[in-house]
Amino acid sequence: MKIETIVFGGGCFWCTEAIFKQLQGVQSIESGYAGGTTLDPSYENIGDHAEVIKIEYDPKEIKFEDLLTVFFATHDPTTLNRQGADVGTQYRSVVLCSNEKQRDIAIKFIDNLNNQTEFGDPIVTEVEMLKKFFLAEVYHQNYYSNNPNSVYCQVVINPKLKKVKEKFAKLLL
């Protein structure tokens, strides 16, 4: 079994982590920081990094294109440096690839989305090669699982999870 890695930034990593944990073929997820140059970033000093999740997945169980489909359907890839009330470059939409094949597929995927009218505005998601991933603090890992009754989880994450269950039932565990 060859496991592959992809890193997505689509706003707050609490949301993206909760979404992708539901998908079959996803072996592990870690919340962290990537896409910038700041050394040793933290939640308090993220610098120029984005909040991201690192997904390890089995391509025999879930296709990379399916991961991209869920990613683009569960955040707004047309807003620059913003997801809902979260504003700043750390909330930018970004795909950080582990290999050139992923990069090529992601760029083509975005081109196809831009040729459709589903989003209305152009996709601003960055596609780059992953240089370094920095693991976020322990209290950010498994946030939704550990805090399901928090207001943020109830108001922001639960509606996204409901949407995933409705739209992507065939991809769920």
Protein backbone atom coordinates (compact mmCIF):
# COMPACT_ATOMS: atom_id res chain seq x y z
CA MET A 1 0.00 0.00 0.00
CA LYS A 2 1.51 3.31 -1.11
CA ILE A 3 0.31 6.20 1.02
CA GLU A 4 0.38 9.69 -0.48
CA THR A 5 0.39 13.08 1.23
CA ILE A 6 -1.42 16.30 0.32
CA VAL A 7 -1.71 19.54 2.30
CA PHE A 8 -4.83 21.72 2.08
CA GLY A 9 -5.45 25.17 3.50
CA GLY A 10 -9.07 26.26 3.34
CA GLY A 11 -9.55 28.56 6.30
CA CYS A 12 -9.47 27.37 9.88
CA PHE A 13 -7.79 23.98 10.19
CA TRP A 14 -10.42 22.87 12.72
CA CYS A 15 -13.01 22.82 9.91
CA THR A 16 -10.92 21.13 7.27
CA GLU A 17 -9.65 18.49 9.68
CA ALA A 18 -13.20 17.55 10.75
CA ILE A 19 -14.34 17.28 7.13
CA PHE A 20 -11.55 15.08 5.83
CA LYS A 21 -11.59 12.76 8.87
CA GLN A 22 -14.92 11.46 7.57
CA LEU A 23 -13.56 10.24 4.23
CA GLN A 24 -12.68 6.68 3.40
CA GLY A 25 -9.07 6.18 2.40
CA VAL A 26 -7.81 8.97 4.65
CA GLN A 27 -5.23 7.34 6.89
CA SER A 28 -4.25 10.31 9.05
CA ILE A 29 -4.69 14.06 9.37
CA GLU A 30 -2.56 16.58 11.23
CA SER A 31 -3.27 20.28 11.66
CA GLY A 32 -0.37 22.60 11.12
CA TYR A 33 1.21 25.51 9.32
CA ALA A 34 2.78 25.62 5.85
CA GLY A 35 3.24 27.72 2.76
CA GLY A 36 5.41 30.42 4.25
CA THR A 37 8.98 31.15 5.24
CA THR A 38 8.62 31.92 8.96
CA LEU A 39 10.77 29.55 11.00
CA ASP A 40 9.04 27.62 13.77
CA PRO A 41 5.55 29.13 13.41
CA SER A 42 2.92 28.87 16.13
CA TYR A 43 -0.74 29.80 16.47
CA GLU A 44 0.28 33.07 18.12
CA ASN A 45 3.06 33.74 15.59
CA ILE A 46 1.98 32.12 12.33
CA GLY A 47 3.94 34.61 10.24
CA ASP A 48 3.34 34.13 6.52
CA HIS A 49 2.13 30.52 6.78
CA ALA A 50 -1.43 29.28 6.25
CA GLU A 51 -3.42 27.13 8.65
CA VAL A 52 -3.40 23.76 6.88
CA ILE A 53 -4.06 20.07 7.29
CA LYS A 54 -1.68 17.36 6.15
CA ILE A 55 -3.61 14.38 4.83
CA GLU A 56 -2.10 10.97 4.34
CA TYR A 57 -4.35 8.90 2.09
CA ASP A 58 -4.46 5.62 0.22
CA PRO A 59 -5.01 6.39 -3.50
CA LYS A 60 -6.44 2.89 -3.95
CA GLU A 61 -9.29 3.84 -1.61
CA ILE A 62 -9.84 7.50 -2.54
CA LYS A 63 -8.74 9.35 -5.65
CA PHE A 64 -6.83 12.60 -5.41
CA GLU A 65 -9.53 14.19 -7.58
CA ASP A 66 -12.15 13.20 -4.98
CA LEU A 67 -10.11 14.93 -2.27
CA LEU A 68 -9.96 18.04 -4.46
CA THR A 69 -13.72 17.88 -5.09
CA VAL A 70 -14.47 17.80 -1.36
CA PHE A 71 -11.89 20.51 -0.66
CA PHE A 72 -13.36 22.96 -3.18
CA ALA A 73 -16.95 22.18 -2.16
CA THR A 74 -16.38 22.87 1.54
CA HIS A 75 -14.77 26.30 1.51
CA ASP A 76 -14.93 29.44 -0.64
CA PRO A 77 -11.94 29.30 -3.02
CA THR A 78 -12.89 32.67 -4.55
CA THR A 79 -12.17 34.88 -1.53
CA LEU A 80 -8.60 36.05 -1.08
CA ASN A 81 -7.24 35.54 2.44
CA ARG A 82 -10.65 34.96 3.96
CA GLN A 83 -13.10 32.25 4.96
CA GLY A 84 -16.27 33.61 6.51
CA ALA A 85 -15.39 35.67 9.58
CA ASP A 86 -11.76 34.46 9.51
CA VAL A 87 -9.67 37.10 7.75
CA GLY A 88 -5.93 37.13 7.07
CA THR A 89 -3.33 35.42 4.91
CA GLN A 90 -3.30 32.46 7.32
CA TYR A 91 -6.82 31.62 6.09
CA ARG A 92 -5.95 31.63 2.40
CA SER A 93 -6.99 28.84 0.07
CA VAL A 94 -3.95 26.75 -0.85
CA VAL A 95 -3.06 23.30 -2.15
CA LEU A 96 0.48 22.24 -1.23
CA CYS A 97 1.51 19.25 -3.31
CA SER A 98 3.94 16.43 -2.56
CA ASN A 99 4.74 15.73 -6.19
CA GLU A 100 4.47 17.19 -9.69
CA LYS A 101 1.60 14.87 -10.64
CA GLN A 102 -0.56 16.28 -7.82
CA ARG A 103 0.41 19.81 -8.84
CA ASP A 104 -0.57 19.22 -12.47
CA ILE A 105 -3.89 17.62 -11.48
CA ALA A 106 -4.70 20.46 -9.06
CA ILE A 107 -3.96 23.15 -11.66
CA LYS A 108 -6.10 21.38 -14.27
CA PHE A 109 -8.87 20.90 -11.68
CA ILE A 110 -8.90 24.64 -10.93
CA ASP A 111 -8.87 25.48 -14.64
CA ASN A 112 -11.94 23.26 -15.08
CA LEU A 113 -13.69 24.96 -12.15
CA ASN A 114 -12.93 28.37 -13.62
CA ASN A 115 -14.53 27.27 -16.91
CA GLN A 116 -17.76 26.44 -15.08
CA THR A 117 -20.16 28.94 -13.55
CA GLU A 118 -20.59 27.18 -10.20
CA PHE A 119 -18.52 29.66 -8.19
CA GLY A 120 -19.29 32.85 -10.12
CA ASP A 121 -15.92 34.41 -9.33
CA PRO A 122 -12.44 33.19 -10.30
CA ILE A 123 -10.71 30.66 -8.04
CA VAL A 124 -7.88 32.31 -6.06
CA THR A 125 -6.54 29.07 -4.57
CA GLU A 126 -2.75 28.90 -4.69
CA VAL A 127 -1.12 25.67 -5.89
CA GLU A 128 2.47 25.14 -4.78
CA MET A 129 4.89 22.41 -3.92
CA LEU A 130 5.06 21.64 -0.19
CA LYS A 131 8.36 22.80 1.23
CA LYS A 132 7.88 22.24 4.95
CA PHE A 133 4.98 21.33 7.22
CA PHE A 134 5.00 22.49 10.85
CA LEU A 135 2.78 20.57 13.25
CA ALA A 136 0.31 22.76 15.15
CA GLU A 137 0.02 22.71 18.92
CA VAL A 138 -1.56 19.66 20.57
CA TYR A 139 -4.80 21.46 21.44
CA HIS A 140 -5.46 22.02 17.69
CA GLN A 141 -5.24 18.32 16.82
CA ASN A 142 -8.60 16.51 16.64
CA TYR A 143 -10.25 19.76 17.69
CA TYR A 144 -13.76 18.86 16.60
CA SER A 145 -13.61 15.39 18.14
CA ASN A 146 -12.35 16.85 21.41
CA ASN A 147 -14.72 19.86 21.50
CA PRO A 148 -17.96 18.91 19.67
CA ASN A 149 -20.12 21.08 21.92
CA SER A 150 -18.11 24.29 21.54
CA VAL A 151 -19.97 27.16 19.91
CA TYR A 152 -17.51 27.23 16.98
CA CYS A 153 -18.07 23.54 16.28
CA GLN A 154 -21.83 23.88 16.53
CA VAL A 155 -22.16 27.03 14.42
CA VAL A 156 -19.35 26.70 11.85
CA ILE A 157 -18.24 23.07 11.58
CA ASN A 158 -21.53 21.18 11.97
CA PRO A 159 -23.16 22.78 8.89
CA LYS A 160 -20.09 21.88 6.82
CA LEU A 161 -20.20 18.29 8.05
CA LYS A 162 -23.90 18.10 7.18
CA LYS A 163 -23.13 19.33 3.66
CA VAL A 164 -20.40 16.71 3.23
CA LYS A 165 -22.75 13.94 4.40
CA GLU A 166 -25.39 15.08 1.90
CA LYS A 167 -23.12 15.68 -1.10
CA PHE A 168 -20.45 13.03 -0.65
CA ALA A 169 -22.11 10.05 1.04
CA LYS A 170 -20.31 7.60 -1.28
CA LEU A 171 -16.91 8.84 -0.05
CA LEU A 172 -17.64 8.58 3.67
CA LEU A 173 -16.41 5.94 6.09
